[in-house]
Amino acid sequence: MTIVYDRTKTVARRHVAPGEAVPPHPEAVGFAGHYDFDIDVLAAYRPQGKGRVERQVLIVRDHVLSGRSFSSIEEMDAAFLAWVPRRRAQIHKTHREVIAERAARDHAALKPLPPTPYLVAERQLRHVGKDCLVAFDGNLYSVPARRVRPRQLVEIRATKSQVMLHSTLTLAGGSTLLAVHPRAVGRGARVVDETHWDGLPTGKGRRATTGDVPLQPRHERSAGQEASPLQALLNRAAATQVEVGRRPLSVYDELTGTRPFTTHRATKETS
């Protein structure tokens, strides 16, 4: 089955010159694939392509509404229902068939709708942060840390009530869905599933100290002598407890065959 569309922004990605193929909008392609039909975008400058459809509006106006007034919606609906049988008994000027017979055949050829409706969603691409959070519309949403990596690109599909995060690559099992969250109201919210934190680095095993382990001071000081702030800071740092060998600079002069720089010139010996 093929459905003819006008060149609207929801169907055509951009306008092209007459005679060129119209690139369809990805969302329209997904909608057509879900309901199993093909899209035929109307060519530019071809009013006869949609004239028959637009003509139906004038036919209804001339035969039902023109020169009449209605006191209620129910009265107007009754006028339409009385006119429809007369209209369907006529022969259509395009396919030369009785309108009611052609309509019954068209209805019988229609396929049943799929059990799940097509979900129209806003789609955007975002990068995953180091804390497995993704920013969207001023809010942060979590994804499983074990299924993503920092700076990975994910696709956001957002509806009015939900935010779904999908991987751009097919995951194990053929699925791309990473997480589903309720859409936050306002800005500055953090919508987090705490199970998504599993897999993030915890800091355990790092060669670092928090100062909880008592360290021996580097230099002994006499009783009653208070350490300076700099010395107290050095005493808390583990790196300052490493013993470093010390030697005079003349040792390096001997190794390199050089002499230390001096401003005094050597005096010439006299005989």
C-alpha atoms as a PDB file:
ATOM      1  CA  MET A   1       0.000   0.000   0.000  1.00  0.00           C
ATOM      2  CA  THR A   2       1.194   3.498  -0.874  1.00  0.00           C
ATOM      3  CA  ILE A   3       0.106   6.776   0.710  1.00  0.00           C
ATOM      4  CA  VAL A   4       0.688  10.040  -1.139  1.00  0.00           C
ATOM      5  CA  TYR A   5       1.930  12.936   0.994  1.00  0.00           C
ATOM      6  CA  ASP A   6       2.322  16.600   0.289  1.00  0.00           C
ATOM      7  CA  ARG A   7       5.812  18.111   0.644  1.00  0.00           C
ATOM      8  CA  THR A   8       5.502  18.977   4.335  1.00  0.00           C
ATOM      9  CA  LYS A   9       8.360  19.214   6.848  1.00  0.00           C
ATOM     10  CA  THR A  10       7.119  16.148   8.695  1.00  0.00           C
ATOM     11  CA  VAL A  11       7.602  14.003   5.573  1.00  0.00           C
ATOM     12  CA  ALA A  12      10.257  15.706   3.410  1.00  0.00           C
ATOM     13  CA  ARG A  13      13.630  16.421   4.978  1.00  0.00           C
ATOM     14  CA  ARG A  14      14.313  19.291   2.590  1.00  0.00           C
ATOM     15  CA  HIS A  15      12.996  20.796  -0.616  1.00  0.00           C
ATOM     16  CA  VAL A  16      14.661  19.800  -3.877  1.00  0.00           C
ATOM     17  CA  ALA A  17      14.450  20.964  -7.465  1.00  0.00           C
ATOM     18  CA  PRO A  18      11.624  19.621  -9.661  1.00  0.00           C
ATOM     19  CA  GLY A  19      12.441  16.179 -11.007  1.00  0.00           C
ATOM     20  CA  GLU A  20      14.783  15.226  -8.148  1.00  0.00           C
ATOM     21  CA  ALA A  21      14.013  12.579  -5.551  1.00  0.00           C
ATOM     22  CA  VAL A  22      12.673  13.980  -2.286  1.00  0.00           C
ATOM     23  CA  PRO A  23      14.651  12.747   0.771  1.00  0.00           C
ATOM     24  CA  PRO A  24      12.097  11.507   3.333  1.00  0.00           C
ATOM     25  CA  HIS A  25      12.240  12.434   6.997  1.00  0.00           C
ATOM     26  CA  PRO A  26      13.637   9.562   9.143  1.00  0.00           C
ATOM     27  CA  GLU A  27      10.690   9.769  11.543  1.00  0.00           C
ATOM     28  CA  ALA A  28       8.256   9.444   8.629  1.00  0.00           C
ATOM     29  CA  VAL A  29      10.170   6.423   7.332  1.00  0.00           C
ATOM     30  CA  GLY A  30       9.949   4.782  10.762  1.00  0.00           C
ATOM     31  CA  PHE A  31       6.223   5.517  10.956  1.00  0.00           C
ATOM     32  CA  ALA A  32       5.628   4.015   7.502  1.00  0.00           C
ATOM     33  CA  GLY A  33       7.689   0.932   8.314  1.00  0.00           C
ATOM     34  CA  HIS A  34       5.767   0.337  11.543  1.00  0.00           C
ATOM     35  CA  TYR A  35       2.393   0.400   9.752  1.00  0.00           C
ATOM     36  CA  ASP A  36       3.703  -1.347   6.608  1.00  0.00           C
ATOM     37  CA  PHE A  37       3.096   1.157   3.824  1.00  0.00           C
ATOM     38  CA  ASP A  38       5.201   3.120   1.352  1.00  0.00           C
ATOM     39  CA  ILE A  39       5.545   6.900   1.158  1.00  0.00           C
ATOM     40  CA  ASP A  40       5.040   8.714  -2.138  1.00  0.00           C
ATOM     41  CA  VAL A  41       5.893  12.404  -1.834  1.00  0.00           C
ATOM     42  CA  LEU A  42       3.937  14.581  -4.232  1.00  0.00           C
ATOM     43  CA  ALA A  43       6.089  16.178  -6.907  1.00  0.00           C
ATOM     44  CA  ALA A  44       6.503  19.936  -6.935  1.00  0.00           C
ATOM     45  CA  TYR A  45       4.234  22.106  -9.088  1.00  0.00           C
ATOM     46  CA  ARG A  46       1.692  19.316  -9.728  1.00  0.00           C
ATOM     47  CA  PRO A  47      -1.645  20.642  -8.413  1.00  0.00           C
ATOM     48  CA  GLN A  48      -3.537  17.880 -10.214  1.00  0.00           C
ATOM     49  CA  GLY A  49      -1.888  15.351  -7.909  1.00  0.00           C
ATOM     50  CA  LYS A  50      -3.923  16.510  -4.916  1.00  0.00           C
ATOM     51  CA  GLY A  51      -6.747  18.393  -6.609  1.00  0.00           C
ATOM     52  CA  ARG A  52      -9.227  15.520  -6.247  1.00  0.00           C
ATOM     53  CA  VAL A  53      -8.620  15.367  -2.498  1.00  0.00           C
ATOM     54  CA  GLU A  54      -8.910  19.096  -1.926  1.00  0.00           C
ATOM     55  CA  ARG A  55     -12.008  19.190  -4.112  1.00  0.00           C
ATOM     56  CA  GLN A  56     -13.886  17.104  -1.523  1.00  0.00           C
ATOM     57  CA  VAL A  57     -13.851  20.066   0.854  1.00  0.00           C
ATOM     58  CA  LEU A  58     -15.646  22.237  -1.693  1.00  0.00           C
ATOM     59  CA  ILE A  59     -18.149  19.474  -2.461  1.00  0.00           C
ATOM     60  CA  VAL A  60     -19.116  19.158   1.210  1.00  0.00           C
ATOM     61  CA  ARG A  61     -19.358  22.908   1.619  1.00  0.00           C
ATOM     62  CA  ASP A  62     -21.530  23.361  -1.477  1.00  0.00           C
ATOM     63  CA  HIS A  63     -23.898  20.429  -0.847  1.00  0.00           C
ATOM     64  CA  VAL A  64     -24.218  20.476   2.939  1.00  0.00           C
ATOM     65  CA  LEU A  65     -23.228  23.837   4.396  1.00  0.00           C
ATOM     66  CA  SER A  66     -23.917  26.399   1.707  1.00  0.00           C
ATOM     67  CA  GLY A  67     -27.027  28.526   2.379  1.00  0.00           C
ATOM     68  CA  ARG A  68     -27.912  26.720   5.596  1.00  0.00           C
ATOM     69  CA  SER A  69     -27.624  27.453   9.290  1.00  0.00           C
ATOM     70  CA  PHE A  70     -27.597  25.013  12.178  1.00  0.00           C
ATOM     71  CA  SER A  71     -28.644  25.554  15.764  1.00  0.00           C
ATOM     72  CA  SER A  72     -26.468  22.756  17.181  1.00  0.00           C
ATOM     73  CA  ILE A  73     -23.682  20.329  16.329  1.00  0.00           C
ATOM     74  CA  GLU A  74     -26.167  17.469  16.398  1.00  0.00           C
ATOM     75  CA  GLU A  75     -28.288  19.151  13.709  1.00  0.00           C
ATOM     76  CA  MET A  76     -25.230  19.628  11.492  1.00  0.00           C
ATOM     77  CA  ASP A  77     -24.172  15.996  11.987  1.00  0.00           C
ATOM     78  CA  ALA A  78     -27.655  14.846  10.975  1.00  0.00           C
ATOM     79  CA  ALA A  79     -27.374  16.874   7.766  1.00  0.00           C
ATOM     80  CA  PHE A  80     -24.065  15.171   6.936  1.00  0.00           C
ATOM     81  CA  LEU A  81     -25.459  11.697   7.626  1.00  0.00           C
ATOM     82  CA  ALA A  82     -28.417  12.371   5.329  1.00  0.00           C
ATOM     83  CA  TRP A  83     -26.110  13.526   2.508  1.00  0.00           C
ATOM     84  CA  VAL A  84     -23.506  10.698   2.652  1.00  0.00           C
ATOM     85  CA  PRO A  85     -25.742   7.948   1.101  1.00  0.00           C
ATOM     86  CA  ARG A  86     -26.563  10.198  -1.847  1.00  0.00           C
ATOM     87  CA  ARG A  87     -22.882  10.976  -2.359  1.00  0.00           C
ATOM     88  CA  ARG A  88     -21.785   7.335  -2.189  1.00  0.00           C
ATOM     89  CA  ALA A  89     -24.377   6.316  -4.767  1.00  0.00           C
ATOM     90  CA  GLN A  90     -22.704   8.526  -7.382  1.00  0.00           C
ATOM     91  CA  ILE A  91     -20.057   7.430  -9.890  1.00  0.00           C
ATOM     92  CA  HIS A  92     -16.591   8.853  -9.259  1.00  0.00           C
ATOM     93  CA  LYS A  93     -15.206  10.816 -12.191  1.00  0.00           C
ATOM     94  CA  THR A  94     -11.658   9.455 -11.816  1.00  0.00           C
ATOM     95  CA  HIS A  95     -12.006   5.663 -11.519  1.00  0.00           C
ATOM     96  CA  ARG A  96     -15.558   5.561 -12.978  1.00  0.00           C
ATOM     97  CA  GLU A  97     -16.871   3.311 -10.204  1.00  0.00           C
ATOM     98  CA  VAL A  98     -19.677   3.694  -7.694  1.00  0.00           C
ATOM     99  CA  ILE A  99     -18.120   5.384  -4.690  1.00  0.00           C
ATOM    100  CA  ALA A 100     -19.734   3.032  -2.132  1.00  0.00           C
ATOM    101  CA  GLU A 101     -18.577  -0.098  -3.988  1.00  0.00           C
ATOM    102  CA  ARG A 102     -15.025   1.179  -4.371  1.00  0.00           C
ATOM    103  CA  ALA A 103     -14.928   2.220  -0.704  1.00  0.00           C
ATOM    104  CA  ALA A 104     -16.039  -1.255   0.424  1.00  0.00           C
ATOM    105  CA  ARG A 105     -13.311  -2.886  -1.680  1.00  0.00           C
ATOM    106  CA  ASP A 106     -10.679  -0.491  -0.347  1.00  0.00           C
ATOM    107  CA  HIS A 107     -11.712  -1.127   3.258  1.00  0.00           C
ATOM    108  CA  ALA A 108     -11.465  -4.902   2.746  1.00  0.00           C
ATOM    109  CA  ALA A 109      -7.894  -4.510   1.451  1.00  0.00           C
ATOM    110  CA  LEU A 110      -6.721  -2.638   4.548  1.00  0.00           C
ATOM    111  CA  LYS A 111      -4.454  -4.513   6.963  1.00  0.00           C
ATOM    112  CA  PRO A 112      -5.093  -4.653  10.715  1.00  0.00           C
ATOM    113  CA  LEU A 113      -3.108  -2.265  12.854  1.00  0.00           C
ATOM    114  CA  PRO A 114      -0.123  -3.664  14.793  1.00  0.00           C
ATOM    115  CA  PRO A 115      -0.776  -4.463  18.477  1.00  0.00           C
ATOM    116  CA  THR A 116       1.543  -1.679  19.674  1.00  0.00           C
ATOM    117  CA  PRO A 117       1.162   1.861  18.322  1.00  0.00           C
ATOM    118  CA  TYR A 118       4.090   3.756  16.862  1.00  0.00           C
ATOM    119  CA  LEU A 119       5.751   5.895  19.501  1.00  0.00           C
ATOM    120  CA  VAL A 120       6.424   9.411  18.270  1.00  0.00           C
ATOM    121  CA  ALA A 121       9.458  10.694  20.162  1.00  0.00           C
ATOM    122  CA  GLU A 122      11.951  13.521  20.034  1.00  0.00           C
ATOM    123  CA  ARG A 123      15.341  12.078  19.100  1.00  0.00           C
ATOM    124  CA  GLN A 124      18.717  13.567  20.009  1.00  0.00           C
ATOM    125  CA  LEU A 125      22.299  12.342  20.359  1.00  0.00           C
ATOM    126  CA  ARG A 126      24.228  12.928  23.592  1.00  0.00           C
ATOM    127  CA  HIS A 127      27.551  11.870  25.141  1.00  0.00           C
ATOM    128  CA  VAL A 128      27.757   9.827  28.348  1.00  0.00           C
ATOM    129  CA  GLY A 129      29.639  11.496  31.210  1.00  0.00           C
ATOM    130  CA  LYS A 130      32.248   9.860  33.448  1.00  0.00           C
ATOM    131  CA  ASP A 131      29.551   9.395  36.097  1.00  0.00           C
ATOM    132  CA  CYS A 132      27.313   7.505  33.596  1.00  0.00           C
ATOM    133  CA  LEU A 133      24.901  10.460  33.400  1.00  0.00           C
ATOM    134  CA  VAL A 134      23.471  11.908  30.204  1.00  0.00           C
ATOM    135  CA  ALA A 135      22.328  15.525  29.949  1.00  0.00           C
ATOM    136  CA  PHE A 136      19.048  16.293  28.207  1.00  0.00           C
ATOM    137  CA  ASP A 137      16.792  19.342  28.391  1.00  0.00           C
ATOM    138  CA  GLY A 138      18.603  20.741  31.430  1.00  0.00           C
ATOM    139  CA  ASN A 139      18.387  17.498  33.441  1.00  0.00           C
ATOM    140  CA  LEU A 140      20.588  14.433  33.998  1.00  0.00           C
ATOM    141  CA  TYR A 141      19.553  10.813  33.387  1.00  0.00           C
ATOM    142  CA  SER A 142      21.551   7.707  34.319  1.00  0.00           C
ATOM    143  CA  VAL A 143      22.560   4.741  32.160  1.00  0.00           C
ATOM    144  CA  PRO A 144      24.112   1.433  33.328  1.00  0.00           C
ATOM    145  CA  ALA A 145      27.843   1.974  33.907  1.00  0.00           C
ATOM    146  CA  ARG A 146      28.682  -1.588  32.840  1.00  0.00           C
ATOM    147  CA  ARG A 147      27.039  -1.145  29.440  1.00  0.00           C
ATOM    148  CA  VAL A 148      28.553   2.186  28.404  1.00  0.00           C
ATOM    149  CA  ARG A 149      31.869   3.992  28.486  1.00  0.00           C
ATOM    150  CA  PRO A 150      32.679   7.681  29.057  1.00  0.00           C
ATOM    151  CA  ARG A 151      32.070   9.904  26.017  1.00  0.00           C
ATOM    152  CA  GLN A 152      30.066   7.168  24.308  1.00  0.00           C
ATOM    153  CA  LEU A 153      27.348   8.499  22.011  1.00  0.00           C
ATOM    154  CA  VAL A 154      23.796   7.457  22.909  1.00  0.00           C
ATOM    155  CA  GLU A 155      20.426   8.287  21.371  1.00  0.00           C
ATOM    156  CA  ILE A 156      17.712   9.913  23.457  1.00  0.00           C
ATOM    157  CA  ARG A 157      14.076   9.271  22.541  1.00  0.00           C
ATOM    158  CA  ALA A 158      11.885  11.540  24.606  1.00  0.00           C
ATOM    159  CA  THR A 159       8.114  11.715  24.845  1.00  0.00           C
ATOM    160  CA  LYS A 160       6.020  13.966  27.068  1.00  0.00           C
ATOM    161  CA  SER A 161       6.238  11.494  29.953  1.00  0.00           C
ATOM    162  CA  GLN A 162       9.302   9.304  29.328  1.00  0.00           C
ATOM    163  CA  VAL A 163      12.974   9.515  28.397  1.00  0.00           C
ATOM    164  CA  MET A 164      14.433   6.412  26.762  1.00  0.00           C
ATOM    165  CA  LEU A 165      18.170   6.064  26.216  1.00  0.00           C
ATOM    166  CA  HIS A 166      19.389   3.792  23.425  1.00  0.00           C
ATOM    167  CA  SER A 167      22.818   2.698  22.314  1.00  0.00           C
ATOM    168  CA  THR A 168      23.794   3.621  18.764  1.00  0.00           C
ATOM    169  CA  LEU A 169      25.123   0.062  18.401  1.00  0.00           C
ATOM    170  CA  THR A 170      23.138  -3.145  18.739  1.00  0.00           C
ATOM    171  CA  LEU A 171      23.744  -4.735  22.133  1.00  0.00           C
ATOM    172  CA  ALA A 172      23.709  -8.397  23.103  1.00  0.00           C
ATOM    173  CA  GLY A 173      20.340  -9.903  22.301  1.00  0.00           C
ATOM    174  CA  GLY A 174      19.651  -7.472  19.464  1.00  0.00           C
ATOM    175  CA  SER A 175      18.341  -4.687  21.704  1.00  0.00           C
ATOM    176  CA  THR A 176      19.574  -1.086  21.863  1.00  0.00           C
ATOM    177  CA  LEU A 177      17.629   0.054  24.950  1.00  0.00           C
ATOM    178  CA  LEU A 178      19.838   1.124  27.875  1.00  0.00           C
ATOM    179  CA  ALA A 179      17.433   2.781  30.320  1.00  0.00           C
ATOM    180  CA  VAL A 180      13.927   4.225  30.675  1.00  0.00           C
ATOM    181  CA  HIS A 181      13.188   7.119  33.044  1.00  0.00           C
ATOM    182  CA  PRO A 182      10.177   9.335  33.747  1.00  0.00           C
ATOM    183  CA  ARG A 183      10.727  12.724  32.170  1.00  0.00           C
ATOM    184  CA  ALA A 184      11.726  15.345  34.713  1.00  0.00           C
ATOM    185  CA  VAL A 185       9.658  18.494  35.156  1.00  0.00           C
ATOM    186  CA  GLY A 186      11.651  21.713  35.038  1.00  0.00           C
ATOM    187  CA  ARG A 187      15.438  21.906  34.980  1.00  0.00           C
ATOM    188  CA  GLY A 188      18.317  20.884  37.228  1.00  0.00           C
ATOM    189  CA  ALA A 189      16.924  17.463  38.221  1.00  0.00           C
ATOM    190  CA  ARG A 190      18.917  14.229  38.474  1.00  0.00           C
ATOM    191  CA  VAL A 191      16.896  11.155  37.520  1.00  0.00           C
ATOM    192  CA  VAL A 192      19.065   8.241  38.647  1.00  0.00           C
ATOM    193  CA  ASP A 193      18.589   4.501  39.029  1.00  0.00           C
ATOM    194  CA  GLU A 194      21.062   3.570  41.790  1.00  0.00           C
ATOM    195  CA  THR A 195      21.714   0.167  40.219  1.00  0.00           C
ATOM    196  CA  HIS A 196      23.329   2.020  37.311  1.00  0.00           C
ATOM    197  CA  TRP A 197      26.214   3.051  39.623  1.00  0.00           C
ATOM    198  CA  ASP A 198      27.403  -0.585  39.739  1.00  0.00           C
ATOM    199  CA  GLY A 199      30.665  -0.712  37.808  1.00  0.00           C
ATOM    200  CA  LEU A 200      31.874   2.836  38.455  1.00  0.00           C
ATOM    201  CA  PRO A 201      35.367   3.235  40.010  1.00  0.00           C
ATOM    202  CA  THR A 202      35.157   3.471  43.804  1.00  0.00           C
ATOM    203  CA  GLY A 203      38.721   4.655  44.461  1.00  0.00           C
ATOM    204  CA  LYS A 204      39.735   1.459  46.270  1.00  0.00           C
ATOM    205  CA  GLY A 205      43.248   0.189  45.556  1.00  0.00           C
ATOM    206  CA  ARG A 206      44.720   3.601  44.746  1.00  0.00           C
ATOM    207  CA  ARG A 207      48.163   4.389  46.155  1.00  0.00           C
ATOM    208  CA  ALA A 208      46.981   7.352  48.180  1.00  0.00           C
ATOM    209  CA  THR A 209      46.481   8.287  51.806  1.00  0.00           C
ATOM    210  CA  THR A 210      43.827  10.354  53.490  1.00  0.00           C
ATOM    211  CA  GLY A 211      45.931  11.124  56.547  1.00  0.00           C
ATOM    212  CA  ASP A 212      44.169   8.546  58.731  1.00  0.00           C
ATOM    213  CA  VAL A 213      47.312   6.413  59.006  1.00  0.00           C
ATOM    214  CA  PRO A 214      49.772   7.998  61.484  1.00  0.00           C
ATOM    215  CA  LEU A 215      53.153   8.724  59.931  1.00  0.00           C
ATOM    216  CA  GLN A 216      56.436   9.218  61.708  1.00  0.00           C
ATOM    217  CA  PRO A 217      57.805  12.754  61.463  1.00  0.00           C
ATOM    218  CA  ARG A 218      60.731  13.178  59.135  1.00  0.00           C
ATOM    219  CA  HIS A 219      62.868  15.078  61.615  1.00  0.00           C
ATOM    220  CA  GLU A 220      62.847  14.702  65.361  1.00  0.00           C
ATOM    221  CA  ARG A 221      62.243  17.881  67.292  1.00  0.00           C
ATOM    222  CA  SER A 222      62.796  18.718  70.883  1.00  0.00           C
ATOM    223  CA  ALA A 223      59.979  18.371  73.377  1.00  0.00           C
ATOM    224  CA  GLY A 224      57.750  21.380  73.547  1.00  0.00           C
ATOM    225  CA  GLN A 225      58.805  22.611  70.104  1.00  0.00           C
ATOM    226  CA  GLU A 226      55.744  23.144  67.907  1.00  0.00           C
ATOM    227  CA  ALA A 227      56.002  22.264  64.200  1.00  0.00           C
ATOM    228  CA  SER A 228      55.520  24.998  61.643  1.00  0.00           C
ATOM    229  CA  PRO A 229      52.500  24.786  59.288  1.00  0.00           C
ATOM    230  CA  LEU A 230      54.783  23.753  56.420  1.00  0.00           C
ATOM    231  CA  GLN A 231      56.421  21.033  58.499  1.00  0.00           C
ATOM    232  CA  ALA A 232      53.028  19.772  59.639  1.00  0.00           C
ATOM    233  CA  LEU A 233      51.946  19.522  56.002  1.00  0.00           C
ATOM    234  CA  LEU A 234      55.103  17.626  55.103  1.00  0.00           C
ATOM    235  CA  ASN A 235      54.607  15.246  57.998  1.00  0.00           C
ATOM    236  CA  ARG A 236      51.168  14.292  56.664  1.00  0.00           C
ATOM    237  CA  ALA A 237      52.465  13.600  53.135  1.00  0.00           C
ATOM    238  CA  ALA A 238      53.608  10.031  52.553  1.00  0.00           C
ATOM    239  CA  ALA A 239      56.010  11.053  49.786  1.00  0.00           C
ATOM    240  CA  THR A 240      58.111  13.107  52.200  1.00  0.00           C
ATOM    241  CA  GLN A 241      58.932   9.996  54.227  1.00  0.00           C
ATOM    242  CA  VAL A 242      61.048   8.516  51.423  1.00  0.00           C
ATOM    243  CA  GLU A 243      64.741   8.769  52.271  1.00  0.00           C
ATOM    244  CA  VAL A 244      66.788  10.495  49.573  1.00  0.00           C
ATOM    245  CA  GLY A 245      70.557  10.175  49.349  1.00  0.00           C
ATOM    246  CA  ARG A 246      72.601  13.369  49.605  1.00  0.00           C
ATOM    247  CA  ARG A 247      76.075  14.059  48.205  1.00  0.00           C
ATOM    248  CA  PRO A 248      78.139  17.187  47.516  1.00  0.00           C
ATOM    249  CA  LEU A 249      78.046  18.790  44.075  1.00  0.00           C
ATOM    250  CA  SER A 250      81.767  18.128  43.587  1.00  0.00           C
ATOM    251  CA  VAL A 251      80.921  14.468  43.032  1.00  0.00           C
ATOM    252  CA  TYR A 252      78.966  15.397  39.888  1.00  0.00           C
ATOM    253  CA  ASP A 253      81.853  17.634  38.738  1.00  0.00           C
ATOM    254  CA  GLU A 254      84.224  14.689  38.932  1.00  0.00           C
ATOM    255  CA  LEU A 255      81.824  12.440  37.035  1.00  0.00           C
ATOM    256  CA  THR A 256      81.325  14.916  34.198  1.00  0.00           C
ATOM    257  CA  GLY A 257      84.888  16.210  34.087  1.00  0.00           C
ATOM    258  CA  THR A 258      83.898  19.794  34.664  1.00  0.00           C
ATOM    259  CA  ARG A 259      84.769  22.347  37.303  1.00  0.00           C
ATOM    260  CA  PRO A 260      82.372  24.537  39.219  1.00  0.00           C
ATOM    261  CA  PHE A 261      81.755  28.035  37.899  1.00  0.00           C
ATOM    262  CA  THR A 262      83.694  30.772  39.720  1.00  0.00           C
ATOM    263  CA  THR A 263      84.078  34.497  39.281  1.00  0.00           C
ATOM    264  CA  HIS A 264      87.715  34.507  40.478  1.00  0.00           C
ATOM    265  CA  ARG A 265      90.310  34.147  37.743  1.00  0.00           C
ATOM    266  CA  ALA A 266      93.333  31.985  38.423  1.00  0.00           C
ATOM    267  CA  THR A 267      96.480  34.056  39.094  1.00  0.00           C
ATOM    268  CA  LYS A 268      99.566  33.436  36.993  1.00  0.00           C
ATOM    269  CA  GLU A 269     102.497  32.012  38.993  1.00  0.00           C
ATOM    270  CA  THR A 270     105.660  34.109  39.011  1.00  0.00           C
ATOM    271  CA  SER A 271     109.084  32.587  38.849  1.00  0.00           C
END
